[in-house]
Amino acid sequence: MTPFTSWRAMALLLPLVLLPAGVAAQQAASAPASATVSAAMDRQISRARALVESGEGADARNLLDSLVQAAPTASFDLAEALYWRAVLAERMSDAERDWKRLVIESPLSPRAADALVRLGELDLLRGKPAEARVYLERVLREFPTGVQRAKSALLVARTWFDERQDANGCAALAALQAEGVPEGELRMQASDLGRRCTGANAVNASAAPPSANTAADNRPAETPGAARPANARFSVQLAAFDTRREAGAAVARLTKAGVEARVDGSEKPFRVRHGYFTTRAAANAQLAALKKRGHAGFIAELTP
């Protein structure tokens, strides 16, 4: 069996290969204090992100490919390169591959919890809440501290609501509030979900301020529109899939959630995008509004 074949087999088994609760945290405690991402890798990642921001996505991905190939096996540098290659990938299948590889090969990396959350978000987008919960609950079990705990707990609640098991969703929200909901976007999202908890399923959402998802927040900086305006240069890309069926299903789920979306492209990758914008600033403003509602994405420059 070649290393590549072995990796593919491990990736397919990932949801079943879960460390016992607390093991990852114990291992992390014994990791060398000097185990960090190198300054050289940080500089190259910053360069790749700048390339994407300037519309040179292909060059950015080529750079990240070279960083992945050059990084030492199981190193924090490898995990960092894999993480950003996944974030900036055009296809969801490519992103999923890198996030899974990261949590298998570099489970002690600072990016491991991030990768698990991203995998959970991907399965939520696919309409697979039970599969998403496997990744998200792993974060809660194995990472007793860190910024991704609250987000994972919130997304666990969302998976239950997606399955119409409101009692479980409200219980998850109550546990999150007991632990403490950070200020900002997560608190607003928790407040929105908390409105579904009434009567026997009621959860005290008084700690969360009124949602900032007002009509003004939800309105695109420029109208998305069914047809592309002649002067449109940018869009918000929310996902990309190898099949039109998957992309269409994601559009349907986003539309149901109140986010206007479309499928761009006549061959793979089929990109799921939102809005048309004449300036990058306008696209960034809309992306910020979408992030407040729990949707991840990036700015895509439209081809003529």
Protein backbone atom coordinates (compact mmCIF):
# COMPACT_ATOMS: atom_id res chain seq x y z
CA MET A 1 0.00 0.00 0.00
CA THR A 2 1.49 3.36 -1.02
CA PRO A 3 1.54 6.31 1.45
CA PHE A 4 -1.12 8.05 -0.63
CA THR A 5 -3.40 5.01 -0.64
CA SER A 6 -2.88 4.61 3.10
CA TRP A 7 -3.81 8.27 3.65
CA ARG A 8 -7.01 7.91 1.64
CA ALA A 9 -8.03 4.89 3.69
CA MET A 10 -7.38 6.77 6.93
CA ALA A 11 -9.36 9.77 5.71
CA LEU A 12 -12.39 7.63 4.94
CA LEU A 13 -12.26 6.14 8.42
CA LEU A 14 -11.74 9.45 10.20
CA PRO A 15 -15.25 9.81 11.67
CA LEU A 16 -14.75 6.40 13.35
CA VAL A 17 -11.22 7.01 14.64
CA LEU A 18 -11.90 9.33 17.56
CA LEU A 19 -9.55 9.69 20.49
CA PRO A 20 -11.05 9.07 23.94
CA ALA A 21 -12.23 12.18 25.77
CA GLY A 22 -9.35 14.18 27.17
CA VAL A 23 -6.59 12.29 25.38
CA ALA A 24 -5.77 15.08 22.92
CA ALA A 25 -5.69 17.61 25.75
CA GLN A 26 -3.33 15.41 27.78
CA GLN A 27 -1.06 14.95 24.76
CA ALA A 28 -1.06 18.68 24.10
CA ALA A 29 0.02 19.34 27.69
CA SER A 30 3.10 17.17 27.12
CA ALA A 31 4.00 18.75 23.78
CA PRO A 32 7.29 20.72 23.68
CA ALA A 33 6.84 24.39 24.49
CA SER A 34 8.87 25.27 21.40
CA ALA A 35 6.45 23.51 19.10
CA THR A 36 5.11 26.47 17.16
CA VAL A 37 4.60 27.58 13.58
CA SER A 38 7.85 29.00 12.21
CA ALA A 39 8.22 32.66 11.34
CA ALA A 40 9.10 31.66 7.77
CA MET A 41 5.80 29.78 7.42
CA ASP A 42 3.88 32.73 8.85
CA ARG A 43 5.43 35.00 6.23
CA GLN A 44 4.56 32.65 3.38
CA ILE A 45 0.99 32.22 4.59
CA SER A 46 0.61 36.02 4.76
CA ARG A 47 1.92 36.20 1.21
CA ALA A 48 -0.62 33.60 0.02
CA ARG A 49 -3.49 35.46 1.66
CA ALA A 50 -2.35 38.72 0.09
CA LEU A 51 -2.32 37.04 -3.31
CA VAL A 52 -5.93 35.93 -2.82
CA GLU A 53 -6.96 39.42 -1.75
CA SER A 54 -5.42 40.84 -4.93
CA GLY A 55 -7.34 38.35 -7.08
CA GLU A 56 -4.41 36.00 -7.76
CA GLY A 57 -6.01 32.87 -6.32
CA ALA A 58 -4.21 30.43 -8.61
CA ASP A 59 -0.80 31.80 -7.58
CA ALA A 60 -1.81 31.60 -3.93
CA ARG A 61 -2.82 27.96 -4.24
CA ASN A 62 0.41 27.11 -6.08
CA LEU A 63 2.37 28.69 -3.26
CA LEU A 64 0.41 26.73 -0.66
CA ASP A 65 0.96 23.50 -2.61
CA SER A 66 4.71 24.07 -2.42
CA LEU A 67 4.51 24.85 1.31
CA VAL A 68 2.63 21.62 2.00
CA GLN A 69 5.17 19.60 0.03
CA ALA A 70 8.16 21.20 1.78
CA ALA A 71 6.88 21.14 5.39
CA PRO A 72 8.19 18.38 7.69
CA THR A 73 5.81 15.48 8.31
CA ALA A 74 3.42 15.97 11.26
CA SER A 75 4.88 19.41 11.99
CA PHE A 76 2.97 22.51 13.03
CA ASP A 77 4.21 24.13 9.81
CA LEU A 78 2.52 21.36 7.81
CA ALA A 79 -0.71 21.84 9.76
CA GLU A 80 -0.65 25.59 9.09
CA ALA A 81 -0.05 25.09 5.37
CA LEU A 82 -2.80 22.45 5.14
CA TYR A 83 -5.24 24.65 7.03
CA TRP A 84 -4.82 27.65 4.76
CA ARG A 85 -4.75 25.56 1.59
CA ALA A 86 -8.12 24.20 2.69
CA VAL A 87 -9.53 27.63 3.55
CA LEU A 88 -8.53 28.99 0.15
CA ALA A 89 -9.43 25.87 -1.87
CA GLU A 90 -11.81 26.17 -4.78
CA ARG A 91 -13.40 22.76 -4.22
CA MET A 92 -14.98 21.62 -0.99
CA SER A 93 -13.61 18.13 -1.62
CA ASP A 94 -10.05 19.55 -1.63
CA ALA A 95 -10.70 21.52 1.57
CA GLU A 96 -12.19 18.47 3.27
CA ARG A 97 -9.17 16.36 2.31
CA ASP A 98 -6.72 18.84 3.84
CA TRP A 99 -8.69 19.38 7.06
CA LYS A 100 -8.97 15.62 7.59
CA ARG A 101 -5.29 15.14 6.88
CA LEU A 102 -4.48 17.89 9.37
CA VAL A 103 -6.37 16.33 12.29
CA ILE A 104 -4.88 12.90 11.55
CA GLU A 105 -1.26 13.91 10.97
CA SER A 106 -1.01 16.92 13.33
CA PRO A 107 -3.57 16.40 16.12
CA LEU A 108 -1.56 18.57 18.54
CA SER A 109 -1.42 21.54 16.18
CA PRO A 110 -3.15 24.78 17.26
CA ARG A 111 -5.13 24.37 14.02
CA ALA A 112 -6.60 20.94 14.90
CA ALA A 113 -9.68 22.35 16.62
CA ASP A 114 -10.18 24.84 13.77
CA ALA A 115 -10.06 22.01 11.24
CA LEU A 116 -12.62 19.95 13.17
CA VAL A 117 -14.99 22.92 13.30
CA ARG A 118 -14.57 23.48 9.56
CA LEU A 119 -15.38 19.84 8.88
CA GLY A 120 -18.49 20.19 11.02
CA GLU A 121 -19.54 23.32 9.13
CA LEU A 122 -19.03 21.52 5.83
CA ASP A 123 -21.34 18.67 6.84
CA LEU A 124 -23.92 21.20 8.05
CA LEU A 125 -23.80 22.85 4.64
CA ARG A 126 -24.31 19.44 3.07
CA GLY A 127 -27.39 18.88 5.21
CA LYS A 128 -25.75 16.19 7.37
CA PRO A 129 -26.18 17.42 10.96
CA ALA A 130 -25.46 14.06 12.62
CA GLU A 131 -22.14 13.75 10.79
CA ALA A 132 -21.31 17.36 11.68
CA ARG A 133 -21.94 16.64 15.34
CA VAL A 134 -19.20 13.96 15.37
CA TYR A 135 -16.55 16.58 14.60
CA LEU A 136 -18.01 19.30 16.81
CA GLU A 137 -18.43 17.10 19.86
CA ARG A 138 -14.85 15.96 19.44
CA VAL A 139 -13.76 19.58 19.92
CA LEU A 140 -15.80 19.79 23.13
CA ARG A 141 -14.36 16.54 24.45
CA GLU A 142 -10.72 17.01 23.58
CA PHE A 143 -10.10 20.75 23.83
CA PRO A 144 -11.10 21.99 27.30
CA THR A 145 -10.00 25.52 26.45
CA GLY A 146 -9.77 27.57 23.28
CA VAL A 147 -11.78 29.89 21.11
CA GLN A 148 -13.40 27.06 19.13
CA ARG A 149 -15.23 25.54 22.11
CA ALA A 150 -18.05 28.09 22.13
CA LYS A 151 -18.46 27.94 18.36
CA SER A 152 -18.55 24.14 18.45
CA ALA A 153 -21.18 24.16 21.21
CA LEU A 154 -23.30 26.63 19.24
CA LEU A 155 -23.05 24.52 16.09
CA VAL A 156 -23.95 21.37 18.05
CA ALA A 157 -27.15 23.14 19.07
CA ARG A 158 -27.77 24.03 15.44
CA THR A 159 -27.37 20.40 14.36
CA TRP A 160 -30.15 19.40 16.77
CA PHE A 161 -32.43 22.16 15.50
CA ASP A 162 -31.73 21.07 11.93
CA GLU A 163 -32.93 17.59 12.92
CA ARG A 164 -36.03 19.17 14.53
CA GLN A 165 -34.97 17.94 17.95
CA ASP A 166 -35.55 21.25 19.67
CA ALA A 167 -35.30 19.88 23.21
CA ASN A 168 -31.74 18.70 22.54
CA GLY A 169 -30.93 21.98 20.79
CA CYS A 170 -32.19 24.03 23.72
CA ALA A 171 -30.26 21.86 26.16
CA ALA A 172 -27.09 22.45 24.15
CA LEU A 173 -27.74 26.19 24.21
CA ALA A 174 -28.28 26.10 27.97
CA ALA A 175 -24.96 24.31 28.42
CA LEU A 176 -23.26 26.90 26.23
CA GLN A 177 -24.73 29.78 28.22
CA ALA A 178 -23.69 28.15 31.48
CA GLU A 179 -20.11 28.01 30.19
CA GLY A 180 -20.31 31.56 28.87
CA VAL A 181 -21.04 32.93 25.41
CA PRO A 182 -18.33 35.31 24.14
CA GLU A 183 -19.32 38.81 23.09
CA GLY A 184 -19.84 39.44 19.40
CA GLU A 185 -21.09 37.24 16.57
CA LEU A 186 -21.44 34.05 18.60
CA ARG A 187 -23.63 35.75 21.18
CA MET A 188 -25.86 37.14 18.45
CA GLN A 189 -26.19 33.70 16.85
CA ALA A 190 -26.98 32.14 20.23
CA SER A 191 -29.68 34.76 20.74
CA ASP A 192 -31.24 33.93 17.37
CA LEU A 193 -31.29 30.20 18.10
CA GLY A 194 -32.59 30.82 21.61
CA ARG A 195 -35.82 32.22 20.18
CA ARG A 196 -36.73 28.67 19.21
CA CYS A 197 -36.69 27.61 22.85
CA THR A 198 -40.15 28.20 24.32
CA GLY A 199 -42.36 26.48 26.86
CA ALA A 200 -40.91 23.19 28.04
CA ASN A 201 -37.82 23.80 25.93
CA ALA A 202 -37.28 27.35 27.19
CA VAL A 203 -33.70 28.48 27.71
CA ASN A 204 -32.68 31.67 29.46
CA ALA A 205 -31.29 33.85 26.70
CA SER A 206 -31.24 37.02 28.80
CA ALA A 207 -27.43 37.05 28.73
CA ALA A 208 -27.53 37.55 24.98
CA PRO A 209 -28.33 40.99 23.57
CA PRO A 210 -30.97 41.47 20.86
CA SER A 211 -29.80 40.10 17.54
CA ALA A 212 -27.95 42.48 15.28
CA ASN A 213 -29.36 40.62 12.26
CA THR A 214 -31.70 43.43 11.39
CA ALA A 215 -33.06 44.02 7.91
CA ALA A 216 -30.16 46.39 7.32
CA ASP A 217 -27.65 43.70 8.32
CA ASN A 218 -29.26 41.11 6.08
CA ARG A 219 -29.52 43.36 3.06
CA PRO A 220 -26.60 42.98 0.63
CA ALA A 221 -24.36 46.00 0.14
CA GLU A 222 -25.60 45.79 -3.43
CA THR A 223 -28.60 43.79 -4.60
CA PRO A 224 -27.53 40.22 -5.49
CA GLY A 225 -29.93 40.03 -8.41
CA ALA A 226 -30.84 37.02 -10.53
CA ALA A 227 -28.80 38.22 -13.51
CA ARG A 228 -25.23 39.44 -13.41
CA PRO A 229 -24.97 43.22 -13.83
CA ALA A 230 -22.59 44.33 -16.57
CA ASN A 231 -20.29 46.16 -14.13
CA ALA A 232 -20.13 43.39 -11.48
CA ARG A 233 -16.59 42.33 -10.56
CA PHE A 234 -16.88 40.46 -7.27
CA SER A 235 -19.06 37.95 -5.45
CA VAL A 236 -19.08 36.18 -2.09
CA GLN A 237 -18.20 32.51 -2.51
CA LEU A 238 -19.74 30.27 0.15
CA ALA A 239 -18.79 26.82 -1.16
CA ALA A 240 -17.77 24.80 -4.22
CA PHE A 241 -18.58 21.22 -5.14
CA ASP A 242 -17.59 18.63 -7.72
CA THR A 243 -21.22 17.98 -8.73
CA ARG A 244 -24.05 20.32 -9.65
CA ARG A 245 -26.40 18.24 -7.50
CA GLU A 246 -24.41 18.99 -4.33
CA ALA A 247 -24.11 22.66 -5.25
CA GLY A 248 -27.85 22.90 -5.96
CA ALA A 249 -28.67 21.27 -2.63
CA ALA A 250 -26.43 23.79 -0.84
CA VAL A 251 -28.19 26.66 -2.63
CA ALA A 252 -31.56 25.28 -1.52
CA ARG A 253 -30.43 25.10 2.11
CA LEU A 254 -28.97 28.60 2.01
CA THR A 255 -32.13 29.97 0.42
CA LYS A 256 -34.22 28.34 3.15
CA ALA A 257 -31.98 30.08 5.69
CA GLY A 258 -32.67 33.44 4.04
CA VAL A 259 -29.43 33.75 2.06
CA GLU A 260 -29.86 34.30 -1.67
CA ALA A 261 -27.42 32.04 -3.51
CA ARG A 262 -26.73 30.65 -6.95
CA VAL A 263 -24.55 28.08 -8.71
CA ASP A 264 -21.81 29.56 -10.91
CA GLY A 265 -20.10 27.52 -13.60
CA SER A 266 -21.04 24.86 -16.13
CA GLU A 267 -18.36 22.36 -15.08
CA LYS A 268 -16.69 21.43 -11.81
CA PRO A 269 -16.00 23.02 -9.48
CA PHE A 270 -19.60 24.27 -9.23
CA ARG A 271 -19.33 27.39 -7.08
CA VAL A 272 -22.05 28.46 -4.65
CA ARG A 273 -22.01 32.26 -4.59
CA HIS A 274 -23.99 35.15 -3.21
CA GLY A 275 -24.40 38.61 -4.69
CA TYR A 276 -22.80 40.73 -7.38
CA PHE A 277 -20.66 43.70 -6.39
CA THR A 278 -18.80 46.37 -8.33
CA THR A 279 -16.14 46.90 -5.63
CA ARG A 280 -14.22 44.61 -3.28
CA ALA A 281 -15.19 46.88 -0.37
CA ALA A 282 -18.89 46.28 -1.04
CA ALA A 283 -18.33 42.53 -1.26
CA ASN A 284 -16.35 42.58 2.00
CA ALA A 285 -19.17 44.44 3.75
CA GLN A 286 -21.65 41.77 2.71
CA LEU A 287 -19.28 38.98 3.71
CA ALA A 288 -19.04 40.56 7.17
CA ALA A 289 -22.84 40.59 7.42
CA LEU A 290 -23.00 36.93 6.39
CA LYS A 291 -20.36 35.99 8.97
CA LYS A 292 -22.54 37.53 11.68
CA ARG A 293 -25.20 35.02 10.66
CA GLY A 294 -22.76 32.11 10.87
CA HIS A 295 -21.87 31.72 7.17
CA ALA A 296 -18.20 31.36 6.15
CA GLY A 297 -16.89 32.42 2.77
CA PHE A 298 -14.42 34.56 0.87
CA ILE A 299 -14.40 37.18 -1.88
CA ALA A 300 -14.22 35.79 -5.43
CA GLU A 301 -13.24 37.90 -8.42
CA LEU A 302 -15.61 37.23 -11.32
CA THR A 303 -14.25 36.33 -14.71
CA PRO A 304 -15.37 38.44 -17.69
